[in-house]
Amino acid sequence: MNAIVDLKDLTLPELEELMPGWDQPRFRARQLLKWVYKGIGDFGDMTDISRAFREELPWRACLSALSLTDRQVSADGAQKFRWLLPDGAGIESVLIPEEDHSTLCLSSQAGCALGCRFCLTARQGLTRNLRPAEMVNQILQVRPLVPAAKPLTNLVFMGMGEPLANFEALIRAVRIIQAPWGLNFSTRRVTVSTVGLAPLIPRLGEEVRVNLTVSLNAVDDATRTSLMPVNRRYPIKKLLEACRAFPLPRHRRITFAYVLLAGVNDDPAMARELTRLLRGFRAKVNLIAFNPHPELPFAAPDPARVLEFQDIIRQAHYPVFIRESRGQDIAAACGQLAGNWPSG
């Protein structure tokens, strides 16, 4: 007997290939996915498909869903969703309301193996990679909860996990997210963030069209290695070479994210070195003041220090933004996800 497939793990071409074996015409695949990405959770609701095939479908396929175990709302309007996966693993997503739209921060792994010292997710280690369906379901299940006045238009793979460490599933999920037969998000509205798995950065841009954010956080290898162990394998020079090889679409920039840690990487001289490193890039810089947590050995920089750092970068004619931390009171801000997820 063939294994039951999760329809949300498949692209349209893959599902079309299955149809002859299910004694169905290839166009049936498009009909099925139309209902899947409308958010239908029961094959019986697919009204333009014959009753006989609808009754047969549960023996061939499933429509997976995440189990919502907690939903918290921050004083600033951000919402954190905690999901339980069938094997007991836990993940989190964060919905961030903007002026006229909403952004969803997605997880790509349960936990993370890369050990960045300023990130709470890293402290729990890696449980496992997510399947494409588990990434897509975060969107499908949050979307009905988004206010109509602030529709969900932007997606960022900046939640739990390193997206490029789950490369094949990420690529498949992005294709589903952007496809007209899938969730139909604009390529300009999907961002993938990486700590710097250098060999996979050019491949990402060759496989799919997304915005790229690189978590840099230091301008010398000694400091970066002390904060981000991945720098031992892919030091700054190699990382920047990979970024130069990323096939950047016209009129787009690579975003370099820089978490500012008091007394560690916030010296004005480091800001000047950052502008030197970025010379020749179509780049913008997002500065993120560290979000303190009792379990992490760092402090947030003084606001005046952040403004000084920003001003040095601006004077070098790079767009530079201080990214507002949202959801700190519910541990939903950058680097705080899964900090109080129950163990065991």
C-alpha atoms as a PDB file:
ATOM      1  CA  MET A   1       0.000   0.000   0.000  1.00  0.00           C
ATOM      2  CA  ASN A   2       1.331   3.433  -0.900  1.00  0.00           C
ATOM      3  CA  ALA A   3       2.096   5.819   1.961  1.00  0.00           C
ATOM      4  CA  ILE A   4      -0.381   8.609   2.623  1.00  0.00           C
ATOM      5  CA  VAL A   5       1.011  11.933   1.364  1.00  0.00           C
ATOM      6  CA  ASP A   6       0.522  15.343   2.933  1.00  0.00           C
ATOM      7  CA  LEU A   7      -0.788  17.553   0.126  1.00  0.00           C
ATOM      8  CA  LYS A   8       0.908  20.598   1.676  1.00  0.00           C
ATOM      9  CA  ASP A   9       4.317  18.954   1.224  1.00  0.00           C
ATOM     10  CA  LEU A  10       3.884  18.795  -2.561  1.00  0.00           C
ATOM     11  CA  THR A  11       4.284  21.259  -5.389  1.00  0.00           C
ATOM     12  CA  LEU A  12       1.778  21.280  -8.240  1.00  0.00           C
ATOM     13  CA  PRO A  13       4.057  19.384 -10.667  1.00  0.00           C
ATOM     14  CA  GLU A  14       4.682  16.695  -8.041  1.00  0.00           C
ATOM     15  CA  LEU A  15       0.981  16.252  -7.358  1.00  0.00           C
ATOM     16  CA  GLU A  16       0.244  16.152 -11.089  1.00  0.00           C
ATOM     17  CA  GLU A  17       2.676  13.245 -11.378  1.00  0.00           C
ATOM     18  CA  LEU A  18       0.676  11.314  -8.772  1.00  0.00           C
ATOM     19  CA  MET A  19      -2.687  11.707 -10.485  1.00  0.00           C
ATOM     20  CA  PRO A  20      -2.393   8.878 -13.052  1.00  0.00           C
ATOM     21  CA  GLY A  21      -1.584   6.451 -10.223  1.00  0.00           C
ATOM     22  CA  TRP A  22      -4.727   7.629  -8.469  1.00  0.00           C
ATOM     23  CA  ASP A  23      -6.746   7.060 -11.678  1.00  0.00           C
ATOM     24  CA  GLN A  24      -7.339  10.797 -12.020  1.00  0.00           C
ATOM     25  CA  PRO A  25      -6.571  13.345 -14.774  1.00  0.00           C
ATOM     26  CA  ARG A  26      -3.602  15.621 -14.164  1.00  0.00           C
ATOM     27  CA  PHE A  27      -5.824  18.720 -13.883  1.00  0.00           C
ATOM     28  CA  ARG A  28      -7.293  17.250 -10.699  1.00  0.00           C
ATOM     29  CA  ALA A  29      -4.077  18.270  -8.900  1.00  0.00           C
ATOM     30  CA  ARG A  30      -4.782  21.958  -9.504  1.00  0.00           C
ATOM     31  CA  GLN A  31      -8.351  21.510  -8.225  1.00  0.00           C
ATOM     32  CA  LEU A  32      -7.092  19.879  -5.051  1.00  0.00           C
ATOM     33  CA  LEU A  33      -4.522  22.576  -4.325  1.00  0.00           C
ATOM     34  CA  LYS A  34      -7.066  25.324  -4.943  1.00  0.00           C
ATOM     35  CA  TRP A  35      -9.026  23.987  -1.970  1.00  0.00           C
ATOM     36  CA  VAL A  36      -5.948  23.271   0.143  1.00  0.00           C
ATOM     37  CA  TYR A  37      -4.716  26.869  -0.039  1.00  0.00           C
ATOM     38  CA  LYS A  38      -8.156  28.275   0.578  1.00  0.00           C
ATOM     39  CA  GLY A  39      -7.685  26.667   3.973  1.00  0.00           C
ATOM     40  CA  ILE A  40     -10.167  23.816   3.608  1.00  0.00           C
ATOM     41  CA  GLY A  41      -9.539  21.166   6.267  1.00  0.00           C
ATOM     42  CA  ASP A  42     -11.862  18.416   5.056  1.00  0.00           C
ATOM     43  CA  PHE A  43     -11.881  16.629   1.715  1.00  0.00           C
ATOM     44  CA  GLY A  44     -15.670  16.546   1.902  1.00  0.00           C
ATOM     45  CA  ASP A  45     -15.773  20.336   1.399  1.00  0.00           C
ATOM     46  CA  MET A  46     -14.111  20.147  -2.042  1.00  0.00           C
ATOM     47  CA  THR A  47     -17.384  20.562  -3.867  1.00  0.00           C
ATOM     48  CA  ASP A  48     -16.163  20.489  -7.492  1.00  0.00           C
ATOM     49  CA  ILE A  49     -14.573  17.044  -7.025  1.00  0.00           C
ATOM     50  CA  SER A  50     -16.652  13.882  -7.391  1.00  0.00           C
ATOM     51  CA  ARG A  51     -18.031  12.326  -4.237  1.00  0.00           C
ATOM     52  CA  ALA A  52     -16.357   9.010  -5.076  1.00  0.00           C
ATOM     53  CA  PHE A  53     -12.889  10.593  -5.261  1.00  0.00           C
ATOM     54  CA  ARG A  54     -13.492  12.667  -2.140  1.00  0.00           C
ATOM     55  CA  GLU A  55     -14.303   9.482  -0.247  1.00  0.00           C
ATOM     56  CA  GLU A  56     -11.174   7.815  -1.616  1.00  0.00           C
ATOM     57  CA  LEU A  57      -8.819  10.702  -0.797  1.00  0.00           C
ATOM     58  CA  PRO A  58      -8.337   9.968   2.943  1.00  0.00           C
ATOM     59  CA  TRP A  59      -6.749   6.655   1.941  1.00  0.00           C
ATOM     60  CA  ARG A  60      -4.241   8.440  -0.261  1.00  0.00           C
ATOM     61  CA  ALA A  61      -3.620  11.875   1.264  1.00  0.00           C
ATOM     62  CA  CYS A  62      -4.010  14.032   4.351  1.00  0.00           C
ATOM     63  CA  LEU A  63      -4.507  17.704   5.174  1.00  0.00           C
ATOM     64  CA  SER A  64      -2.149  18.298   8.085  1.00  0.00           C
ATOM     65  CA  ALA A  65      -2.571  21.026  10.692  1.00  0.00           C
ATOM     66  CA  LEU A  66      -0.595  22.372  13.629  1.00  0.00           C
ATOM     67  CA  SER A  67      -1.998  22.229  17.140  1.00  0.00           C
ATOM     68  CA  LEU A  68      -2.193  25.714  18.678  1.00  0.00           C
ATOM     69  CA  THR A  69      -1.289  25.395  22.357  1.00  0.00           C
ATOM     70  CA  ASP A  70      -0.862  29.060  23.278  1.00  0.00           C
ATOM     71  CA  ARG A  71      -1.495  32.492  21.817  1.00  0.00           C
ATOM     72  CA  GLN A  72      -0.132  35.582  23.536  1.00  0.00           C
ATOM     73  CA  VAL A  73      -0.730  39.233  22.652  1.00  0.00           C
ATOM     74  CA  SER A  74       1.883  41.868  23.436  1.00  0.00           C
ATOM     75  CA  ALA A  75       1.094  45.354  24.651  1.00  0.00           C
ATOM     76  CA  ASP A  76       2.435  46.588  21.288  1.00  0.00           C
ATOM     77  CA  GLY A  77       0.068  44.355  19.305  1.00  0.00           C
ATOM     78  CA  ALA A  78       2.504  41.600  18.326  1.00  0.00           C
ATOM     79  CA  GLN A  79       1.151  38.077  18.759  1.00  0.00           C
ATOM     80  CA  LYS A  80       3.073  34.902  19.505  1.00  0.00           C
ATOM     81  CA  PHE A  81       1.657  31.528  18.494  1.00  0.00           C
ATOM     82  CA  ARG A  82       2.947  28.347  20.049  1.00  0.00           C
ATOM     83  CA  TRP A  83       2.373  25.180  18.031  1.00  0.00           C
ATOM     84  CA  LEU A  84       2.677  21.532  19.000  1.00  0.00           C
ATOM     85  CA  LEU A  85       3.777  19.155  16.238  1.00  0.00           C
ATOM     86  CA  PRO A  86       2.535  15.550  16.058  1.00  0.00           C
ATOM     87  CA  ASP A  87       5.780  14.142  17.465  1.00  0.00           C
ATOM     88  CA  GLY A  88       5.706  16.478  20.457  1.00  0.00           C
ATOM     89  CA  ALA A  89       8.177  19.051  19.124  1.00  0.00           C
ATOM     90  CA  GLY A  90       7.254  22.697  19.652  1.00  0.00           C
ATOM     91  CA  ILE A  91       7.670  25.767  17.449  1.00  0.00           C
ATOM     92  CA  GLU A  92       6.650  29.407  17.583  1.00  0.00           C
ATOM     93  CA  SER A  93       5.562  32.043  15.060  1.00  0.00           C
ATOM     94  CA  VAL A  94       5.138  35.793  15.586  1.00  0.00           C
ATOM     95  CA  LEU A  95       2.611  38.069  13.896  1.00  0.00           C
ATOM     96  CA  ILE A  96       3.776  41.675  13.740  1.00  0.00           C
ATOM     97  CA  PRO A  97       1.204  44.380  12.904  1.00  0.00           C
ATOM     98  CA  GLU A  98       2.500  47.275  10.820  1.00  0.00           C
ATOM     99  CA  GLU A  99       0.721  50.501   9.852  1.00  0.00           C
ATOM    100  CA  ASP A 100      -1.305  49.014   6.992  1.00  0.00           C
ATOM    101  CA  HIS A 101      -0.288  45.344   6.827  1.00  0.00           C
ATOM    102  CA  SER A 102       1.032  42.475   8.918  1.00  0.00           C
ATOM    103  CA  THR A 103       4.242  40.434   8.819  1.00  0.00           C
ATOM    104  CA  LEU A 104       4.529  36.829   9.970  1.00  0.00           C
ATOM    105  CA  CYS A 105       7.836  35.583  11.360  1.00  0.00           C
ATOM    106  CA  LEU A 106       8.112  31.885  10.514  1.00  0.00           C
ATOM    107  CA  SER A 107      10.085  29.033  12.035  1.00  0.00           C
ATOM    108  CA  SER A 108      11.949  26.596   9.786  1.00  0.00           C
ATOM    109  CA  GLN A 109      13.250  24.221  12.473  1.00  0.00           C
ATOM    110  CA  ALA A 110      12.216  23.119  15.948  1.00  0.00           C
ATOM    111  CA  GLY A 111      15.124  24.573  17.875  1.00  0.00           C
ATOM    112  CA  CYS A 112      18.491  25.394  16.319  1.00  0.00           C
ATOM    113  CA  ALA A 113      21.922  23.764  16.241  1.00  0.00           C
ATOM    114  CA  LEU A 114      24.075  26.797  15.472  1.00  0.00           C
ATOM    115  CA  GLY A 115      24.593  28.114  18.994  1.00  0.00           C
ATOM    116  CA  CYS A 116      24.521  31.904  18.587  1.00  0.00           C
ATOM    117  CA  ARG A 117      25.191  33.153  22.101  1.00  0.00           C
ATOM    118  CA  PHE A 118      22.695  36.029  22.011  1.00  0.00           C
ATOM    119  CA  CYS A 119      19.752  33.813  20.962  1.00  0.00           C
ATOM    120  CA  LEU A 120      17.490  31.881  23.327  1.00  0.00           C
ATOM    121  CA  THR A 121      16.399  29.401  20.666  1.00  0.00           C
ATOM    122  CA  ALA A 122      20.002  28.226  20.392  1.00  0.00           C
ATOM    123  CA  ARG A 123      20.025  27.205  24.051  1.00  0.00           C
ATOM    124  CA  GLN A 124      17.513  24.421  23.442  1.00  0.00           C
ATOM    125  CA  GLY A 125      19.513  22.856  20.606  1.00  0.00           C
ATOM    126  CA  LEU A 126      18.004  21.333  17.491  1.00  0.00           C
ATOM    127  CA  THR A 127      15.036  18.989  17.793  1.00  0.00           C
ATOM    128  CA  ARG A 128      14.439  18.518  14.067  1.00  0.00           C
ATOM    129  CA  ASN A 129      13.855  20.164  10.701  1.00  0.00           C
ATOM    130  CA  LEU A 130      10.337  21.191   9.734  1.00  0.00           C
ATOM    131  CA  ARG A 131       8.613  19.739   6.699  1.00  0.00           C
ATOM    132  CA  PRO A 132       7.355  22.171   4.040  1.00  0.00           C
ATOM    133  CA  ALA A 133       3.791  21.550   5.244  1.00  0.00           C
ATOM    134  CA  GLU A 134       4.763  22.627   8.762  1.00  0.00           C
ATOM    135  CA  MET A 135       6.124  25.924   7.456  1.00  0.00           C
ATOM    136  CA  VAL A 136       3.125  26.498   5.188  1.00  0.00           C
ATOM    137  CA  ASN A 137       0.668  25.625   7.967  1.00  0.00           C
ATOM    138  CA  GLN A 138       1.983  28.452  10.130  1.00  0.00           C
ATOM    139  CA  ILE A 139       0.727  30.845   7.444  1.00  0.00           C
ATOM    140  CA  LEU A 140      -2.532  29.044   6.729  1.00  0.00           C
ATOM    141  CA  GLN A 141      -3.498  28.883  10.391  1.00  0.00           C
ATOM    142  CA  VAL A 142      -2.529  32.448  11.320  1.00  0.00           C
ATOM    143  CA  ARG A 143      -4.026  34.075   8.211  1.00  0.00           C
ATOM    144  CA  PRO A 144      -7.696  33.794   9.332  1.00  0.00           C
ATOM    145  CA  LEU A 145      -6.764  35.530  12.601  1.00  0.00           C
ATOM    146  CA  VAL A 146      -5.270  38.615  10.928  1.00  0.00           C
ATOM    147  CA  PRO A 147      -7.431  41.781  10.975  1.00  0.00           C
ATOM    148  CA  ALA A 148      -8.754  42.750   7.537  1.00  0.00           C
ATOM    149  CA  ALA A 149      -7.402  46.277   8.031  1.00  0.00           C
ATOM    150  CA  LYS A 150      -3.860  44.905   8.264  1.00  0.00           C
ATOM    151  CA  PRO A 151      -3.713  41.968   5.835  1.00  0.00           C
ATOM    152  CA  LEU A 152      -0.890  39.453   5.972  1.00  0.00           C
ATOM    153  CA  THR A 153       1.395  40.478   3.090  1.00  0.00           C
ATOM    154  CA  ASN A 154       4.941  39.878   4.351  1.00  0.00           C
ATOM    155  CA  LEU A 155       6.706  36.695   5.452  1.00  0.00           C
ATOM    156  CA  VAL A 156      10.113  36.446   7.098  1.00  0.00           C
ATOM    157  CA  PHE A 157      11.942  33.198   7.860  1.00  0.00           C
ATOM    158  CA  MET A 158      13.477  34.652  11.021  1.00  0.00           C
ATOM    159  CA  GLY A 159      11.818  32.531  13.692  1.00  0.00           C
ATOM    160  CA  MET A 160      13.212  29.390  15.266  1.00  0.00           C
ATOM    161  CA  GLY A 161      15.987  27.665  13.342  1.00  0.00           C
ATOM    162  CA  GLU A 162      18.451  28.395  10.546  1.00  0.00           C
ATOM    163  CA  PRO A 163      16.472  28.264   7.280  1.00  0.00           C
ATOM    164  CA  LEU A 164      19.442  27.295   5.102  1.00  0.00           C
ATOM    165  CA  ALA A 165      20.202  24.324   7.367  1.00  0.00           C
ATOM    166  CA  ASN A 166      16.846  22.935   6.193  1.00  0.00           C
ATOM    167  CA  PHE A 167      17.531  23.874   2.596  1.00  0.00           C
ATOM    168  CA  GLU A 168      15.467  21.459   0.490  1.00  0.00           C
ATOM    169  CA  ALA A 169      12.341  21.805   2.622  1.00  0.00           C
ATOM    170  CA  LEU A 170      12.766  25.594   2.688  1.00  0.00           C
ATOM    171  CA  ILE A 171      12.981  25.803  -1.103  1.00  0.00           C
ATOM    172  CA  ARG A 172       9.885  23.665  -1.510  1.00  0.00           C
ATOM    173  CA  ALA A 173       7.989  25.755   1.064  1.00  0.00           C
ATOM    174  CA  VAL A 174       8.984  29.015  -0.651  1.00  0.00           C
ATOM    175  CA  ARG A 175       7.810  27.686  -4.020  1.00  0.00           C
ATOM    176  CA  ILE A 176       4.448  26.777  -2.490  1.00  0.00           C
ATOM    177  CA  ILE A 177       4.205  30.155  -0.749  1.00  0.00           C
ATOM    178  CA  GLN A 178       4.906  32.133  -3.926  1.00  0.00           C
ATOM    179  CA  ALA A 179       3.102  30.028  -6.536  1.00  0.00           C
ATOM    180  CA  PRO A 180      -0.214  31.233  -8.015  1.00  0.00           C
ATOM    181  CA  TRP A 181      -1.613  27.753  -7.259  1.00  0.00           C
ATOM    182  CA  GLY A 182      -0.311  28.039  -3.698  1.00  0.00           C
ATOM    183  CA  LEU A 183      -0.403  31.009  -1.336  1.00  0.00           C
ATOM    184  CA  ASN A 184       0.519  33.531  -4.057  1.00  0.00           C
ATOM    185  CA  PHE A 185       2.782  35.809  -2.006  1.00  0.00           C
ATOM    186  CA  SER A 186       4.873  38.307  -3.949  1.00  0.00           C
ATOM    187  CA  THR A 187       8.567  37.477  -4.293  1.00  0.00           C
ATOM    188  CA  ARG A 188       9.239  40.956  -2.921  1.00  0.00           C
ATOM    189  CA  ARG A 189       7.414  40.058   0.288  1.00  0.00           C
ATOM    190  CA  VAL A 190       9.273  36.885   1.294  1.00  0.00           C
ATOM    191  CA  THR A 191      12.554  37.183   3.207  1.00  0.00           C
ATOM    192  CA  VAL A 192      14.987  34.459   4.261  1.00  0.00           C
ATOM    193  CA  SER A 193      17.444  35.211   7.051  1.00  0.00           C
ATOM    194  CA  THR A 194      20.663  33.286   7.593  1.00  0.00           C
ATOM    195  CA  VAL A 195      23.490  33.321  10.113  1.00  0.00           C
ATOM    196  CA  GLY A 196      25.823  32.734   7.188  1.00  0.00           C
ATOM    197  CA  LEU A 197      25.912  29.206   5.754  1.00  0.00           C
ATOM    198  CA  ALA A 198      28.045  30.582   2.946  1.00  0.00           C
ATOM    199  CA  PRO A 199      27.885  27.805   0.298  1.00  0.00           C
ATOM    200  CA  LEU A 200      24.088  27.828   0.377  1.00  0.00           C
ATOM    201  CA  ILE A 201      23.623  31.581  -0.043  1.00  0.00           C
ATOM    202  CA  PRO A 202      24.205  31.681  -3.831  1.00  0.00           C
ATOM    203  CA  ARG A 203      22.169  28.453  -4.207  1.00  0.00           C
ATOM    204  CA  LEU A 204      19.233  30.074  -2.431  1.00  0.00           C
ATOM    205  CA  GLY A 205      19.116  32.856  -5.006  1.00  0.00           C
ATOM    206  CA  GLU A 206      19.484  30.398  -7.877  1.00  0.00           C
ATOM    207  CA  GLU A 207      16.554  28.258  -6.671  1.00  0.00           C
ATOM    208  CA  VAL A 208      14.025  30.920  -5.630  1.00  0.00           C
ATOM    209  CA  ARG A 209      13.606  34.677  -5.694  1.00  0.00           C
ATOM    210  CA  VAL A 210      13.513  36.029  -2.148  1.00  0.00           C
ATOM    211  CA  ASN A 211      14.905  38.884  -0.121  1.00  0.00           C
ATOM    212  CA  LEU A 212      18.102  37.929   1.712  1.00  0.00           C
ATOM    213  CA  THR A 213      18.999  39.000   5.240  1.00  0.00           C
ATOM    214  CA  VAL A 214      22.424  38.071   6.607  1.00  0.00           C
ATOM    215  CA  SER A 215      22.965  38.157  10.368  1.00  0.00           C
ATOM    216  CA  LEU A 216      26.432  39.720  10.579  1.00  0.00           C
ATOM    217  CA  ASN A 217      26.693  41.121  14.134  1.00  0.00           C
ATOM    218  CA  ALA A 218      30.435  41.759  14.115  1.00  0.00           C
ATOM    219  CA  VAL A 219      33.126  43.199  11.857  1.00  0.00           C
ATOM    220  CA  ASP A 220      36.102  41.026  12.876  1.00  0.00           C
ATOM    221  CA  ASP A 221      36.397  37.267  13.018  1.00  0.00           C
ATOM    222  CA  ALA A 222      37.408  37.056  16.680  1.00  0.00           C
ATOM    223  CA  THR A 223      34.305  38.883  17.858  1.00  0.00           C
ATOM    224  CA  ARG A 224      31.987  37.143  15.422  1.00  0.00           C
ATOM    225  CA  THR A 225      33.300  33.694  16.322  1.00  0.00           C
ATOM    226  CA  SER A 226      32.789  34.430  20.020  1.00  0.00           C
ATOM    227  CA  LEU A 227      29.145  35.304  19.273  1.00  0.00           C
ATOM    228  CA  MET A 228      28.393  32.925  16.399  1.00  0.00           C
ATOM    229  CA  PRO A 229      30.289  29.605  16.233  1.00  0.00           C
ATOM    230  CA  VAL A 230      29.366  29.265  12.528  1.00  0.00           C
ATOM    231  CA  ASN A 231      32.046  31.875  11.853  1.00  0.00           C
ATOM    232  CA  ARG A 232      34.742  29.230  12.430  1.00  0.00           C
ATOM    233  CA  ARG A 233      33.552  27.432   9.286  1.00  0.00           C
ATOM    234  CA  TYR A 234      32.556  30.487   7.296  1.00  0.00           C
ATOM    235  CA  PRO A 235      34.518  33.547   8.424  1.00  0.00           C
ATOM    236  CA  ILE A 236      33.544  37.040   7.377  1.00  0.00           C
ATOM    237  CA  LYS A 237      35.609  37.108   4.171  1.00  0.00           C
ATOM    238  CA  LYS A 238      34.084  33.841   2.928  1.00  0.00           C
ATOM    239  CA  LEU A 239      30.600  34.954   3.984  1.00  0.00           C
ATOM    240  CA  LEU A 240      30.873  38.241   2.080  1.00  0.00           C
ATOM    241  CA  GLU A 241      32.188  36.418  -0.996  1.00  0.00           C
ATOM    242  CA  ALA A 242      29.069  34.244  -0.898  1.00  0.00           C
ATOM    243  CA  CYS A 243      26.898  37.344  -0.589  1.00  0.00           C
ATOM    244  CA  ARG A 244      28.573  38.860  -3.653  1.00  0.00           C
ATOM    245  CA  ALA A 245      27.711  35.653  -5.538  1.00  0.00           C
ATOM    246  CA  PHE A 246      24.038  35.857  -4.536  1.00  0.00           C
ATOM    247  CA  PRO A 247      22.024  36.603  -7.713  1.00  0.00           C
ATOM    248  CA  LEU A 248      20.492  39.842  -6.498  1.00  0.00           C
ATOM    249  CA  PRO A 249      17.525  41.023  -8.586  1.00  0.00           C
ATOM    250  CA  ARG A 250      17.569  44.574  -9.918  1.00  0.00           C
ATOM    251  CA  HIS A 251      16.424  47.282  -7.527  1.00  0.00           C
ATOM    252  CA  ARG A 252      16.909  45.049  -4.492  1.00  0.00           C
ATOM    253  CA  ARG A 253      19.466  45.083  -1.691  1.00  0.00           C
ATOM    254  CA  ILE A 254      20.914  42.516   0.658  1.00  0.00           C
ATOM    255  CA  THR A 255      20.024  43.329   4.254  1.00  0.00           C
ATOM    256  CA  PHE A 256      22.777  42.951   6.829  1.00  0.00           C
ATOM    257  CA  ALA A 257      21.346  42.557  10.320  1.00  0.00           C
ATOM    258  CA  TYR A 258      23.470  43.685  13.235  1.00  0.00           C
ATOM    259  CA  VAL A 259      22.423  42.949  16.819  1.00  0.00           C
ATOM    260  CA  LEU A 260      24.042  45.570  19.033  1.00  0.00           C
ATOM    261  CA  LEU A 261      25.426  44.222  22.334  1.00  0.00           C
ATOM    262  CA  ALA A 262      26.665  46.737  24.898  1.00  0.00           C
ATOM    263  CA  GLY A 263      30.447  46.765  25.140  1.00  0.00           C
ATOM    264  CA  VAL A 264      30.836  43.920  22.647  1.00  0.00           C
ATOM    265  CA  ASN A 265      30.156  45.132  19.108  1.00  0.00           C
ATOM    266  CA  ASP A 266      28.749  48.653  19.460  1.00  0.00           C
ATOM    267  CA  ASP A 267      31.934  50.728  19.282  1.00  0.00           C
ATOM    268  CA  PRO A 268      31.853  53.581  16.719  1.00  0.00           C
ATOM    269  CA  ALA A 269      35.058  52.206  15.193  1.00  0.00           C
ATOM    270  CA  MET A 270      33.139  49.027  14.437  1.00  0.00           C
ATOM    271  CA  ALA A 271      30.477  51.018  12.631  1.00  0.00           C
ATOM    272  CA  ARG A 272      33.166  52.545  10.441  1.00  0.00           C
ATOM    273  CA  GLU A 273      34.635  49.093   9.739  1.00  0.00           C
ATOM    274  CA  LEU A 274      31.168  47.835   8.834  1.00  0.00           C
ATOM    275  CA  THR A 275      30.842  50.496   6.143  1.00  0.00           C
ATOM    276  CA  ARG A 276      34.226  49.407   4.776  1.00  0.00           C
ATOM    277  CA  LEU A 277      33.188  45.749   4.655  1.00  0.00           C
ATOM    278  CA  LEU A 278      30.013  46.612   2.770  1.00  0.00           C
ATOM    279  CA  ARG A 279      31.746  48.707   0.134  1.00  0.00           C
ATOM    280  CA  GLY A 280      30.506  47.732  -3.306  1.00  0.00           C
ATOM    281  CA  PHE A 281      27.361  45.984  -2.044  1.00  0.00           C
ATOM    282  CA  ARG A 282      23.816  47.005  -2.813  1.00  0.00           C
ATOM    283  CA  ALA A 283      23.046  46.772   0.856  1.00  0.00           C
ATOM    284  CA  LYS A 284      21.001  48.125   3.699  1.00  0.00           C
ATOM    285  CA  VAL A 285      21.633  47.669   7.402  1.00  0.00           C
ATOM    286  CA  ASN A 286      19.142  46.766  10.119  1.00  0.00           C
ATOM    287  CA  LEU A 287      20.373  47.602  13.596  1.00  0.00           C
ATOM    288  CA  ILE A 288      18.706  45.626  16.387  1.00  0.00           C
ATOM    289  CA  ALA A 289      19.323  46.627  19.988  1.00  0.00           C
ATOM    290  CA  PHE A 290      19.763  43.417  21.961  1.00  0.00           C
ATOM    291  CA  ASN A 291      16.625  42.201  23.726  1.00  0.00           C
ATOM    292  CA  PRO A 292      17.820  41.375  27.260  1.00  0.00           C
ATOM    293  CA  HIS A 293      16.902  38.130  28.973  1.00  0.00           C
ATOM    294  CA  PRO A 294      18.071  36.756  32.336  1.00  0.00           C
ATOM    295  CA  GLU A 295      19.447  33.610  30.680  1.00  0.00           C
ATOM    296  CA  LEU A 296      21.718  35.526  28.277  1.00  0.00           C
ATOM    297  CA  PRO A 297      25.016  37.190  29.275  1.00  0.00           C
ATOM    298  CA  PHE A 298      24.571  40.469  27.372  1.00  0.00           C
ATOM    299  CA  ALA A 299      23.058  43.903  27.873  1.00  0.00           C
ATOM    300  CA  ALA A 300      21.324  46.321  25.545  1.00  0.00           C
ATOM    301  CA  PRO A 301      23.397  49.312  24.417  1.00  0.00           C
ATOM    302  CA  ASP A 302      22.524  52.824  25.460  1.00  0.00           C
ATOM    303  CA  PRO A 303      20.050  54.370  22.967  1.00  0.00           C
ATOM    304  CA  ALA A 304      22.511  57.188  22.253  1.00  0.00           C
ATOM    305  CA  ARG A 305      25.120  54.585  21.305  1.00  0.00           C
ATOM    306  CA  VAL A 306      22.683  53.005  18.837  1.00  0.00           C
ATOM    307  CA  LEU A 307      21.956  56.382  17.256  1.00  0.00           C
ATOM    308  CA  GLU A 308      25.686  57.132  16.952  1.00  0.00           C
ATOM    309  CA  PHE A 309      26.267  53.754  15.276  1.00  0.00           C
ATOM    310  CA  GLN A 310      23.415  54.448  12.879  1.00  0.00           C
ATOM    311  CA  ASP A 311      24.685  57.911  12.024  1.00  0.00           C
ATOM    312  CA  ILE A 312      28.141  56.622  11.046  1.00  0.00           C
ATOM    313  CA  ILE A 313      26.590  54.124   8.628  1.00  0.00           C
ATOM    314  CA  ARG A 314      24.211  56.732   7.234  1.00  0.00           C
ATOM    315  CA  GLN A 315      27.104  59.081   6.551  1.00  0.00           C
ATOM    316  CA  ALA A 316      28.590  56.345   4.351  1.00  0.00           C
ATOM    317  CA  HIS A 317      25.361  56.521   2.282  1.00  0.00           C
ATOM    318  CA  TYR A 318      23.907  53.154   3.246  1.00  0.00           C
ATOM    319  CA  PRO A 319      20.217  52.926   4.155  1.00  0.00           C
ATOM    320  CA  VAL A 320      20.261  52.028   7.835  1.00  0.00           C
ATOM    321  CA  PHE A 321      17.309  51.378  10.097  1.00  0.00           C
ATOM    322  CA  ILE A 322      16.913  50.768  13.798  1.00  0.00           C
ATOM    323  CA  ARG A 323      14.530  47.844  13.901  1.00  0.00           C
ATOM    324  CA  GLU A 324      11.966  48.260  16.609  1.00  0.00           C
ATOM    325  CA  SER A 325      11.760  45.258  18.900  1.00  0.00           C
ATOM    326  CA  ARG A 326       8.188  44.030  19.107  1.00  0.00           C
ATOM    327  CA  GLY A 327       6.698  41.636  21.621  1.00  0.00           C
ATOM    328  CA  GLN A 328       9.422  41.814  24.269  1.00  0.00           C
ATOM    329  CA  ASP A 329       6.862  41.446  27.065  1.00  0.00           C
ATOM    330  CA  ILE A 330       5.776  38.040  25.700  1.00  0.00           C
ATOM    331  CA  ALA A 331       9.288  36.833  24.723  1.00  0.00           C
ATOM    332  CA  ALA A 332       8.446  37.260  21.040  1.00  0.00           C
ATOM    333  CA  ALA A 333      11.201  39.693  20.062  1.00  0.00           C
ATOM    334  CA  CYS A 334      14.258  38.886  17.974  1.00  0.00           C
ATOM    335  CA  GLY A 335      16.283  36.108  19.628  1.00  0.00           C
ATOM    336  CA  GLN A 336      13.681  35.316  22.296  1.00  0.00           C
ATOM    337  CA  LEU A 337      11.600  32.562  20.687  1.00  0.00           C
ATOM    338  CA  ALA A 338      11.077  29.347  22.651  1.00  0.00           C
ATOM    339  CA  GLY A 339      12.893  30.736  25.649  1.00  0.00           C
ATOM    340  CA  ASN A 340      10.332  29.276  28.024  1.00  0.00           C
ATOM    341  CA  TRP A 341       9.202  26.258  26.015  1.00  0.00           C
ATOM    342  CA  PRO A 342       8.708  23.367  28.425  1.00  0.00           C
ATOM    343  CA  SER A 343      11.419  20.730  28.249  1.00  0.00           C
ATOM    344  CA  GLY A 344      10.991  16.985  27.923  1.00  0.00           C
END
